[in-house]
Amino acid sequence: KILQISERPNFKMSLLGKGAPKITVVGAGLAGLTAAYRLQESGYEVHVFEARHRPGGRVLTAQLGGSYEELGGKNFSDGGTVENSLKLIHELGLEILEDERPYFMSSCYWKHDCSLSEILRKLKSPEMLANELPEIAAHSRNLQEVIDTAFEDPDVRLIFTLVMRSYEGSDLKSLDPSNFDSIYGFLMNCIKAMKKADKGQILTVTWLTLKGGNAQLPLALSEKLKNKIHYNHVLRALRNENDKIILNFNHQKEISADLVLLAIPCPVLKDIDFGPKTIPHEQLSRIRSIQYGKNGKVLFPFSIENPSYDFFLSPEAIGWLNHDHRIMTFYYGVQPDTFTAQTAQSHFHQGMHVMRAMYPSLTLETTSLREARDQQLASYDGAVFKSWIDDPFSKGSYSNRAVGTAGWLSETEKCHGEKVRTAFRPVDDKIFFAGEHTTILDAMGTLEGAIESGERMARLMNKVVRESSGIA
């Protein structure tokens, strides 16, 4: 027992010694920060290089009118499981905010203030339809065809089209029919909500966010990695040379590493020059081809006591009030065209028409819309927007399954005892991949998926080092 106790500190000291492997993490989003934090806990000297001048990646919290809301990832419980997120959040001493909401949106604007439940009651045999979805998907070319085949009523068809566009962030004709699992989940919740309503009850969902804003998590992780994060470092090239990985930042600074973790969105990899035979051609081509959503958000201060609606749905956007009903979010992803900095103002004006119809007495300033600063917890005195497709370090909101990609994206394998998606298998036990797109959970594109991938990659990299060093 004395020998076993002494082995751990000696191993930890050896990792920090002269022969310790140099580990570099590229990307200070949730995945990269989580992995770096865990590797540091295990005794490794880890350095994180981030293109932005802040941590958090696609987590971005804004402050408006004495409150706060998310311009990026919001709900930790999206995708179901929150095991990895809750463990990390509690470990860092942060506080979860549980915001319970009615499941159904209270208003469908284009139907003149009719309720969503009224429209969905047009569904015929919803339980039978749920069972038929896999067969319908098997004979469809894309997700739009699944919806068009499954739902006869045009209003119901439009509801499911808008909700799925919002959830995935892409035109449904570009999404693989295997995404019917999202339709299935929404349909089953609709069934539950309607059954509850028949009994005079309300089905609710709980949004899990962080008190003070989701920015608290990357800020807490960056504090743990103090002096180990290097901001304003844009990765331009990466090559495998003489058994070392050489990374070039900003076309001028070069460093070498033994192990590298790439924790950056797939579209950004198109901007990086990978040396010959650094990553297998087919693998790199597949990773670069992964589709990302085009979602964007507008936030603006809201000041009506006891508002009638928590949510609204229109052909332009989904809207919701934040936890204390002081900020309204317009969430764009439901319209077929892209939400960009160029289209933001016109989309905002159209959203204001919805607001005036819902709240005739509400006075809203429609001429002032600013692009959000790339800064955590920045304060604004008016409406702000964030277009993730325009962001040079994300080039999209989050990953999804495009037509023709579902097969190889679902393939997994074991690597040193850890499960990985085959498309993101490590290269020569030197180059590793993390991020919401690499998660082995069912749902890609989530906060939980990013954290899960960071935890798993830290374990995997630790195993690789230990095995190469002959340590059990």
Protein backbone atom coordinates (compact mmCIF):
# COMPACT_ATOMS: atom_id res chain seq x y z
CA LYS A 1 0.00 0.00 0.00
CA ILE A 2 2.87 2.38 0.78
CA LEU A 3 4.39 1.66 -2.64
CA GLN A 4 1.10 2.28 -4.43
CA ILE A 5 0.61 5.60 -2.66
CA SER A 6 4.09 6.79 -3.59
CA GLU A 7 3.78 5.83 -7.26
CA ARG A 8 1.16 8.44 -8.10
CA PRO A 9 3.14 11.53 -7.00
CA ASN A 10 6.29 10.18 -8.67
CA PHE A 11 4.42 9.67 -11.92
CA LYS A 12 2.93 13.15 -11.65
CA MET A 13 6.36 14.66 -11.06
CA SER A 14 7.78 12.75 -14.02
CA LEU A 15 5.13 14.24 -16.29
CA LEU A 16 6.27 17.70 -15.28
CA GLY A 17 9.93 16.80 -15.62
CA LYS A 18 12.38 17.04 -18.47
CA GLY A 19 10.99 14.08 -20.42
CA ALA A 20 7.34 15.07 -20.08
CA PRO A 21 5.32 15.20 -23.31
CA LYS A 22 4.43 18.63 -24.63
CA ILE A 23 0.65 18.84 -24.97
CA THR A 24 -1.01 21.59 -26.97
CA VAL A 25 -4.74 22.24 -27.09
CA VAL A 26 -6.03 24.41 -29.94
CA GLY A 27 -9.32 26.09 -29.03
CA ALA A 28 -10.53 27.54 -25.72
CA GLY A 29 -14.18 26.60 -26.10
CA LEU A 30 -15.85 24.25 -23.62
CA ALA A 31 -14.30 21.13 -25.15
CA GLY A 32 -10.73 22.43 -25.24
CA LEU A 33 -10.90 24.02 -21.79
CA THR A 34 -12.42 20.90 -20.22
CA ALA A 35 -9.75 18.65 -21.72
CA ALA A 36 -6.90 20.99 -20.74
CA TYR A 37 -8.25 21.31 -17.20
CA ARG A 38 -8.47 17.53 -16.77
CA LEU A 39 -5.00 16.96 -18.23
CA GLN A 40 -3.58 19.60 -15.92
CA GLU A 41 -5.27 17.84 -12.99
CA SER A 42 -3.45 14.66 -14.03
CA GLY A 43 -0.12 16.44 -13.81
CA TYR A 44 0.54 17.43 -17.41
CA GLU A 45 1.96 20.72 -18.60
CA VAL A 46 -0.73 21.85 -21.02
CA HIS A 47 -0.87 25.00 -23.13
CA VAL A 48 -4.03 26.24 -24.85
CA PHE A 49 -3.91 28.42 -27.95
CA GLU A 50 -7.05 30.39 -28.79
CA ALA A 51 -7.77 32.50 -31.87
CA ARG A 52 -10.04 34.92 -30.00
CA HIS A 53 -9.09 37.25 -27.18
CA ARG A 54 -11.54 35.53 -24.82
CA PRO A 55 -12.45 32.00 -23.68
CA GLY A 56 -15.74 30.27 -24.39
CA GLY A 57 -15.96 29.74 -28.15
CA ARG A 58 -19.65 29.60 -29.06
CA VAL A 59 -20.66 30.33 -25.47
CA LEU A 60 -21.21 34.09 -25.32
CA THR A 61 -23.22 35.88 -22.60
CA ALA A 62 -24.49 39.46 -23.00
CA GLN A 63 -25.85 41.87 -20.38
CA LEU A 64 -28.83 44.10 -21.19
CA GLY A 65 -30.98 46.25 -18.94
CA GLY A 66 -29.70 44.79 -15.70
CA SER A 67 -30.17 41.19 -16.83
CA TYR A 68 -28.30 38.73 -19.05
CA GLU A 69 -28.94 36.26 -21.85
CA GLU A 70 -27.04 33.97 -24.19
CA LEU A 71 -25.96 34.88 -27.70
CA GLY A 72 -24.58 31.36 -28.06
CA GLY A 73 -25.23 28.02 -26.36
CA LYS A 74 -28.03 28.33 -23.80
CA ASN A 75 -29.62 25.13 -22.48
CA PHE A 76 -27.32 22.51 -20.96
CA SER A 77 -30.15 19.96 -21.09
CA ASP A 78 -30.51 20.13 -24.89
CA GLY A 79 -29.97 16.62 -26.16
CA GLY A 80 -31.09 14.92 -22.95
CA THR A 81 -28.24 13.88 -20.67
CA VAL A 82 -26.40 16.49 -18.59
CA GLU A 83 -24.19 14.15 -16.57
CA ASN A 84 -20.83 15.58 -17.66
CA SER A 85 -21.98 19.20 -17.52
CA LEU A 86 -23.45 18.96 -14.02
CA LYS A 87 -20.38 17.20 -12.66
CA LEU A 88 -18.05 19.90 -14.00
CA ILE A 89 -20.33 22.78 -12.99
CA HIS A 90 -20.69 21.57 -9.40
CA GLU A 91 -16.97 20.80 -9.16
CA LEU A 92 -16.15 24.40 -10.07
CA GLY A 93 -18.61 25.75 -7.50
CA LEU A 94 -20.97 27.30 -10.05
CA GLU A 95 -24.73 27.48 -9.61
CA ILE A 96 -27.29 25.97 -11.95
CA LEU A 97 -30.41 27.99 -12.73
CA GLU A 98 -33.49 25.86 -13.43
CA ASP A 99 -36.07 27.71 -15.50
CA GLU A 100 -39.31 25.74 -15.85
CA ARG A 101 -41.38 26.61 -18.90
CA PRO A 102 -44.66 25.35 -20.42
CA TYR A 103 -43.81 22.97 -23.26
CA PHE A 104 -46.10 24.53 -25.84
CA MET A 105 -45.39 27.91 -27.30
CA SER A 106 -48.26 30.19 -26.40
CA SER A 107 -48.62 31.92 -29.74
CA CYS A 108 -48.36 31.12 -33.42
CA TYR A 109 -48.25 34.59 -34.91
CA TRP A 110 -49.23 33.77 -38.50
CA LYS A 111 -52.42 32.08 -37.21
CA HIS A 112 -53.59 35.23 -35.44
CA ASP A 113 -52.71 34.28 -31.90
CA CYS A 114 -53.97 30.72 -31.99
CA SER A 115 -52.26 28.28 -29.68
CA LEU A 116 -49.83 25.68 -30.90
CA SER A 117 -51.90 22.96 -29.23
CA GLU A 118 -54.95 23.93 -31.32
CA ILE A 119 -52.99 23.35 -34.51
CA LEU A 120 -51.38 20.13 -33.33
CA ARG A 121 -54.74 18.63 -32.43
CA LYS A 122 -55.24 18.26 -36.17
CA LEU A 123 -52.76 15.39 -36.00
CA LYS A 124 -54.42 12.09 -36.85
CA SER A 125 -53.30 9.08 -34.78
CA PRO A 126 -50.07 10.69 -33.56
CA GLU A 127 -48.95 7.49 -31.77
CA MET A 128 -49.30 5.51 -34.99
CA LEU A 129 -47.48 8.24 -36.90
CA ALA A 130 -44.59 8.09 -34.44
CA ASN A 131 -44.21 4.37 -35.17
CA GLU A 132 -44.30 5.01 -38.93
CA LEU A 133 -41.52 7.65 -38.94
CA PRO A 134 -38.59 5.21 -39.37
CA GLU A 135 -40.24 3.66 -42.44
CA ILE A 136 -41.04 7.08 -43.91
CA ALA A 137 -37.44 8.20 -43.34
CA ALA A 138 -36.10 5.07 -45.02
CA HIS A 139 -37.88 6.07 -48.25
CA SER A 140 -37.08 9.80 -48.12
CA ARG A 141 -34.16 11.72 -49.61
CA ASN A 142 -34.01 14.42 -46.93
CA LEU A 143 -35.71 15.61 -43.75
CA GLN A 144 -38.14 17.91 -45.61
CA GLU A 145 -39.50 14.90 -47.50
CA VAL A 146 -40.00 13.08 -44.19
CA ILE A 147 -42.14 15.96 -42.89
CA ASP A 148 -44.05 16.42 -46.15
CA THR A 149 -44.93 12.72 -46.20
CA ALA A 150 -45.74 12.36 -42.52
CA PHE A 151 -48.03 15.37 -42.06
CA GLU A 152 -51.05 15.99 -44.29
CA ASP A 153 -52.36 19.19 -42.70
CA PRO A 154 -50.46 22.24 -44.05
CA ASP A 155 -50.45 24.04 -40.70
CA VAL A 156 -49.05 21.01 -38.88
CA ARG A 157 -46.50 20.52 -41.66
CA LEU A 158 -45.39 24.16 -41.31
CA ILE A 159 -45.09 23.84 -37.51
CA PHE A 160 -42.78 20.84 -37.80
CA THR A 161 -40.78 22.46 -40.61
CA LEU A 162 -40.17 25.61 -38.60
CA VAL A 163 -39.32 23.78 -35.39
CA MET A 164 -36.90 21.40 -37.10
CA ARG A 165 -35.21 24.24 -39.02
CA SER A 166 -34.72 26.03 -35.73
CA TYR A 167 -33.43 22.94 -33.95
CA GLU A 168 -30.92 22.00 -36.66
CA GLY A 169 -30.19 25.47 -38.07
CA SER A 170 -30.24 24.35 -41.70
CA ASP A 171 -32.66 24.06 -44.61
CA LEU A 172 -34.37 20.70 -44.17
CA LYS A 173 -33.63 19.72 -47.77
CA SER A 174 -29.94 19.65 -46.81
CA LEU A 175 -30.50 17.43 -43.76
CA ASP A 176 -30.28 13.65 -43.82
CA PRO A 177 -33.59 11.80 -43.30
CA SER A 178 -32.00 10.08 -40.29
CA ASN A 179 -32.69 13.33 -38.44
CA PHE A 180 -36.25 12.05 -38.08
CA ASP A 181 -35.27 11.24 -34.49
CA SER A 182 -35.65 14.97 -33.77
CA ILE A 183 -39.14 14.91 -35.28
CA TYR A 184 -39.93 11.85 -33.20
CA GLY A 185 -38.81 13.59 -29.99
CA PHE A 186 -40.91 16.69 -30.71
CA LEU A 187 -43.92 14.58 -31.69
CA MET A 188 -43.78 12.47 -28.52
CA ASN A 189 -43.60 15.60 -26.37
CA CYS A 190 -46.59 17.02 -28.27
CA ILE A 191 -48.53 13.86 -27.46
CA LYS A 192 -47.63 14.13 -23.78
CA ALA A 193 -48.55 17.83 -23.70
CA MET A 194 -51.97 17.25 -25.27
CA LYS A 195 -52.75 14.40 -22.87
CA LYS A 196 -51.78 16.64 -19.96
CA ALA A 197 -53.99 19.41 -21.32
CA ASP A 198 -56.96 17.03 -21.50
CA LYS A 199 -56.53 16.49 -17.76
CA GLY A 200 -56.24 20.20 -17.05
CA GLN A 201 -52.46 19.91 -16.51
CA ILE A 202 -49.49 21.58 -18.15
CA LEU A 203 -46.42 19.77 -19.47
CA THR A 204 -43.30 21.77 -18.65
CA VAL A 205 -39.67 21.59 -19.67
CA THR A 206 -36.74 22.80 -17.61
CA TRP A 207 -33.98 24.85 -19.14
CA LEU A 208 -30.66 24.50 -17.34
CA THR A 209 -28.40 27.54 -17.49
CA LEU A 210 -25.79 29.05 -15.19
CA LYS A 211 -26.59 31.74 -12.69
CA GLY A 212 -24.85 34.85 -13.93
CA GLY A 213 -24.73 33.49 -17.48
CA ASN A 214 -23.16 30.49 -19.18
CA ALA A 215 -19.96 32.50 -19.60
CA GLN A 216 -19.27 31.63 -15.95
CA LEU A 217 -18.16 28.13 -16.97
CA PRO A 218 -15.42 29.00 -19.50
CA LEU A 219 -14.33 31.86 -17.26
CA ALA A 220 -13.97 29.49 -14.29
CA LEU A 221 -12.06 26.95 -16.39
CA SER A 222 -9.75 29.63 -17.77
CA GLU A 223 -9.03 30.75 -14.21
CA LYS A 224 -7.91 27.20 -13.39
CA LEU A 225 -5.62 27.32 -16.43
CA LYS A 226 -4.20 30.74 -15.61
CA ASN A 227 -1.07 31.62 -17.62
CA LYS A 228 -1.58 28.51 -19.77
CA ILE A 229 -3.99 30.07 -22.28
CA HIS A 230 -2.52 32.09 -25.13
CA TYR A 231 -5.10 34.32 -26.84
CA ASN A 232 -5.02 35.89 -30.32
CA HIS A 233 -3.28 32.83 -31.74
CA VAL A 234 -4.88 31.75 -35.02
CA LEU A 235 -3.74 28.33 -36.20
CA ARG A 236 -2.62 28.63 -39.82
CA ALA A 237 -0.68 25.43 -40.46
CA LEU A 238 0.02 22.06 -38.86
CA ARG A 239 2.42 19.37 -39.97
CA ASN A 240 4.00 16.16 -38.73
CA GLU A 241 7.75 16.55 -38.86
CA ASN A 242 10.48 14.37 -37.33
CA ASP A 243 8.04 12.73 -34.91
CA LYS A 244 6.84 16.13 -33.69
CA ILE A 245 3.72 18.13 -34.50
CA ILE A 246 4.65 21.60 -35.69
CA LEU A 247 2.00 24.30 -35.34
CA ASN A 248 2.16 27.69 -37.02
CA PHE A 249 0.15 30.56 -35.55
CA ASN A 250 -0.58 33.86 -37.28
CA HIS A 251 1.81 32.88 -40.12
CA GLN A 252 4.77 33.71 -37.90
CA LYS A 253 5.01 31.88 -34.59
CA GLU A 254 5.87 28.17 -34.63
CA ILE A 255 5.81 25.73 -31.74
CA SER A 256 6.31 21.97 -31.53
CA ALA A 257 4.27 19.49 -29.51
CA ASP A 258 4.18 15.77 -28.84
CA LEU A 259 0.39 15.60 -28.60
CA VAL A 260 -2.13 18.05 -30.09
CA LEU A 261 -5.85 18.31 -29.41
CA LEU A 262 -7.82 20.15 -32.10
CA ALA A 263 -10.90 21.51 -30.33
CA ILE A 264 -12.17 23.87 -33.04
CA PRO A 265 -15.26 23.81 -35.30
CA CYS A 266 -14.99 21.79 -38.52
CA PRO A 267 -15.53 24.69 -40.96
CA VAL A 268 -12.49 26.45 -39.48
CA LEU A 269 -10.30 23.46 -40.41
CA LYS A 270 -10.71 24.51 -44.04
CA ASP A 271 -8.52 27.55 -43.28
CA ILE A 272 -5.65 25.46 -41.91
CA ASP A 273 -2.85 24.15 -44.09
CA PHE A 274 -2.16 20.55 -43.09
CA GLY A 275 1.14 19.16 -44.22
CA PRO A 276 1.27 16.06 -46.44
CA LYS A 277 0.32 12.85 -44.62
CA THR A 278 -0.43 14.76 -41.42
CA ILE A 279 -4.07 13.65 -41.41
CA PRO A 280 -5.29 10.93 -43.82
CA HIS A 281 -6.89 12.59 -46.85
CA GLU A 282 -10.27 10.84 -46.59
CA GLN A 283 -10.54 11.55 -42.87
CA LEU A 284 -9.70 15.24 -43.30
CA SER A 285 -12.12 15.58 -46.23
CA ARG A 286 -14.96 14.11 -44.19
CA ILE A 287 -14.26 16.31 -41.18
CA ARG A 288 -14.15 19.44 -43.33
CA SER A 289 -17.44 18.47 -45.02
CA ILE A 290 -19.50 18.37 -41.81
CA GLN A 291 -22.41 20.79 -42.07
CA TYR A 292 -23.04 23.53 -39.52
CA GLY A 293 -26.24 25.42 -38.81
CA LYS A 294 -26.77 29.08 -39.70
CA ASN A 295 -28.57 30.15 -36.53
CA GLY A 296 -28.29 33.66 -35.17
CA LYS A 297 -29.84 35.66 -32.35
CA VAL A 298 -31.15 39.12 -31.59
CA LEU A 299 -31.51 40.20 -27.96
CA PHE A 300 -33.32 43.30 -26.76
CA PRO A 301 -34.53 44.68 -23.40
CA PHE A 302 -38.15 43.88 -22.56
CA SER A 303 -40.28 45.68 -19.99
CA ILE A 304 -43.85 44.44 -19.55
CA GLU A 305 -45.13 43.19 -16.21
CA ASN A 306 -46.65 39.69 -16.27
CA PRO A 307 -46.29 39.10 -20.03
CA SER A 308 -48.86 36.82 -21.64
CA TYR A 309 -46.38 34.71 -23.56
CA ASP A 310 -43.10 32.97 -22.77
CA PHE A 311 -42.65 31.88 -26.38
CA PHE A 312 -43.85 32.72 -29.83
CA LEU A 313 -43.41 31.08 -33.21
CA SER A 314 -43.50 32.84 -36.57
CA PRO A 315 -42.20 31.99 -40.05
CA GLU A 316 -39.24 34.27 -39.29
CA ALA A 317 -38.11 33.31 -35.80
CA ILE A 318 -38.77 31.60 -32.53
CA GLY A 319 -38.90 34.03 -29.62
CA TRP A 320 -38.64 33.61 -25.88
CA LEU A 321 -38.19 35.62 -22.71
CA ASN A 322 -35.19 35.01 -20.46
CA HIS A 323 -35.36 33.72 -16.89
CA ASP A 324 -36.49 37.03 -15.34
CA HIS A 325 -38.59 38.21 -18.33
CA ARG A 326 -36.35 41.22 -18.96
CA ILE A 327 -34.78 40.21 -22.27
CA MET A 328 -36.49 38.93 -25.41
CA THR A 329 -34.60 36.65 -27.78
CA PHE A 330 -35.34 36.32 -31.47
CA TYR A 331 -33.80 33.02 -32.51
CA TYR A 332 -33.25 32.79 -36.25
CA GLY A 333 -32.89 29.45 -37.95
CA VAL A 334 -36.45 28.89 -39.03
CA GLN A 335 -36.28 31.00 -42.19
CA PRO A 336 -34.73 29.40 -45.30
CA ASP A 337 -32.30 32.27 -45.93
CA THR A 338 -29.21 32.84 -43.82
CA PHE A 339 -29.17 35.17 -40.84
CA THR A 340 -26.13 37.38 -41.41
CA ALA A 341 -24.90 40.82 -40.42
CA GLN A 342 -26.30 42.09 -43.74
CA THR A 343 -29.81 40.69 -43.16
CA ALA A 344 -30.01 41.26 -39.38
CA GLN A 345 -31.72 44.66 -39.51
CA SER A 346 -34.52 43.57 -41.85
CA HIS A 347 -35.14 40.43 -39.79
CA PHE A 348 -35.28 42.56 -36.65
CA HIS A 349 -37.85 44.92 -38.18
CA GLN A 350 -40.05 41.95 -39.09
CA GLY A 351 -39.72 40.63 -35.56
CA MET A 352 -40.91 43.95 -34.23
CA HIS A 353 -44.16 43.52 -36.16
CA VAL A 354 -44.72 40.28 -34.23
CA MET A 355 -44.04 42.06 -30.96
CA ARG A 356 -46.49 44.85 -31.74
CA ALA A 357 -49.17 42.33 -32.61
CA MET A 358 -48.63 40.48 -29.34
CA TYR A 359 -48.09 43.58 -27.17
CA PRO A 360 -49.83 46.64 -28.71
CA SER A 361 -48.83 48.84 -25.77
CA LEU A 362 -45.16 47.94 -25.93
CA THR A 363 -42.89 50.76 -27.05
CA LEU A 364 -39.89 49.36 -28.89
CA GLU A 365 -36.96 51.05 -30.57
CA THR A 366 -36.52 49.42 -33.97
CA THR A 367 -33.84 51.59 -35.54
CA SER A 368 -30.93 50.68 -33.26
CA LEU A 369 -29.43 47.21 -33.70
CA ARG A 370 -25.76 46.65 -32.94
CA GLU A 371 -23.53 43.70 -33.62
CA ALA A 372 -22.46 42.11 -30.35
CA ARG A 373 -18.85 42.50 -29.28
CA ASP A 374 -16.76 39.36 -29.01
CA GLN A 375 -16.48 39.77 -25.26
CA GLN A 376 -17.92 37.81 -22.36
CA LEU A 377 -20.52 39.65 -20.26
CA ALA A 378 -20.34 42.81 -22.37
CA SER A 379 -23.05 45.35 -21.48
CA TYR A 380 -25.44 46.93 -23.98
CA ASP A 381 -28.18 49.53 -23.67
CA GLY A 382 -30.17 48.39 -26.72
CA ALA A 383 -30.76 45.51 -29.12
CA VAL A 384 -27.77 43.41 -30.21
CA PHE A 385 -27.30 40.50 -32.61
CA LYS A 386 -24.86 37.70 -33.22
CA SER A 387 -24.52 35.93 -36.56
CA TRP A 388 -22.47 32.77 -36.03
CA ILE A 389 -22.14 32.08 -39.74
CA ASP A 390 -20.23 35.38 -40.00
CA ASP A 391 -17.95 34.57 -37.08
CA PRO A 392 -14.48 33.79 -38.54
CA PHE A 393 -13.63 31.37 -35.75
CA SER A 394 -16.81 29.28 -35.88
CA LYS A 395 -18.36 29.79 -39.36
CA GLY A 396 -21.64 28.30 -38.15
CA SER A 397 -23.68 27.69 -35.06
CA TYR A 398 -23.33 23.94 -34.43
CA SER A 399 -22.92 20.68 -36.34
CA ASN A 400 -25.70 18.56 -37.83
CA ARG A 401 -26.13 15.58 -40.14
CA ALA A 402 -26.21 16.64 -43.78
CA VAL A 403 -27.60 14.45 -46.53
CA GLY A 404 -25.24 11.53 -47.11
CA THR A 405 -23.18 11.97 -43.94
CA ALA A 406 -25.26 10.09 -41.37
CA GLY A 407 -23.76 6.69 -42.18
CA TRP A 408 -20.11 7.49 -41.61
CA LEU A 409 -20.85 9.99 -38.82
CA SER A 410 -22.52 7.24 -36.81
CA GLU A 411 -19.55 4.86 -37.08
CA THR A 412 -17.58 4.38 -33.87
CA GLU A 413 -14.56 2.38 -32.75
CA LYS A 414 -12.48 1.78 -29.65
CA CYS A 415 -9.12 3.49 -29.15
CA HIS A 416 -7.11 2.56 -26.05
CA GLY A 417 -10.37 1.52 -24.42
CA GLU A 418 -12.19 4.78 -25.20
CA LYS A 419 -15.01 5.02 -27.73
CA VAL A 420 -14.54 7.54 -30.54
CA ARG A 421 -16.39 8.46 -33.71
CA THR A 422 -14.41 6.86 -36.53
CA ALA A 423 -14.35 10.15 -38.44
CA PHE A 424 -12.50 11.67 -35.47
CA ARG A 425 -10.22 8.80 -34.54
CA PRO A 426 -6.79 9.97 -33.32
CA VAL A 427 -4.02 10.19 -35.91
CA ASP A 428 -0.91 8.19 -34.94
CA ASP A 429 -1.75 8.78 -31.25
CA LYS A 430 -0.52 12.35 -31.76
CA ILE A 431 -3.43 14.37 -33.14
CA PHE A 432 -6.76 14.20 -31.31
CA PHE A 433 -10.15 15.84 -31.89
CA ALA A 434 -12.68 17.32 -29.45
CA GLY A 435 -15.82 19.42 -29.70
CA GLU A 436 -19.58 18.99 -29.81
CA HIS A 437 -19.20 17.48 -33.30
CA THR A 438 -17.05 14.63 -31.94
CA THR A 439 -19.29 13.56 -29.05
CA ILE A 440 -20.31 9.91 -28.78
CA LEU A 441 -23.67 10.98 -27.35
CA ASP A 442 -26.70 10.66 -29.63
CA ALA A 443 -27.15 14.42 -30.00
CA MET A 444 -24.41 16.42 -31.68
CA GLY A 445 -24.28 20.20 -31.43
CA THR A 446 -24.86 20.56 -27.67
CA LEU A 447 -23.06 22.03 -24.66
CA GLU A 448 -23.10 18.60 -23.02
CA GLY A 449 -21.57 17.09 -26.15
CA ALA A 450 -18.67 19.56 -26.04
CA ILE A 451 -17.95 18.86 -22.37
CA GLU A 452 -18.32 15.09 -22.82
CA SER A 453 -15.80 15.13 -25.67
CA GLY A 454 -13.30 17.12 -23.61
CA GLU A 455 -13.57 14.72 -20.68
CA ARG A 456 -13.16 11.68 -22.93
CA MET A 457 -10.21 13.08 -24.86
CA ALA A 458 -8.39 13.93 -21.63
CA ARG A 459 -8.80 10.32 -20.52
CA LEU A 460 -7.67 9.02 -23.90
CA MET A 461 -4.59 11.22 -24.10
CA ASN A 462 -3.66 10.26 -20.55
CA LYS A 463 -3.89 6.57 -21.50
CA VAL A 464 -1.74 7.09 -24.59
CA VAL A 465 1.02 8.73 -22.53
CA ARG A 466 0.90 6.16 -19.78
CA GLU A 467 0.96 3.23 -22.19
CA SER A 468 3.83 4.69 -24.21
CA SER A 469 5.72 5.20 -20.94
CA GLY A 470 5.06 1.63 -19.82
CA ILE A 471 2.90 2.75 -16.90
CA ALA A 472 -0.17 0.59 -16.28
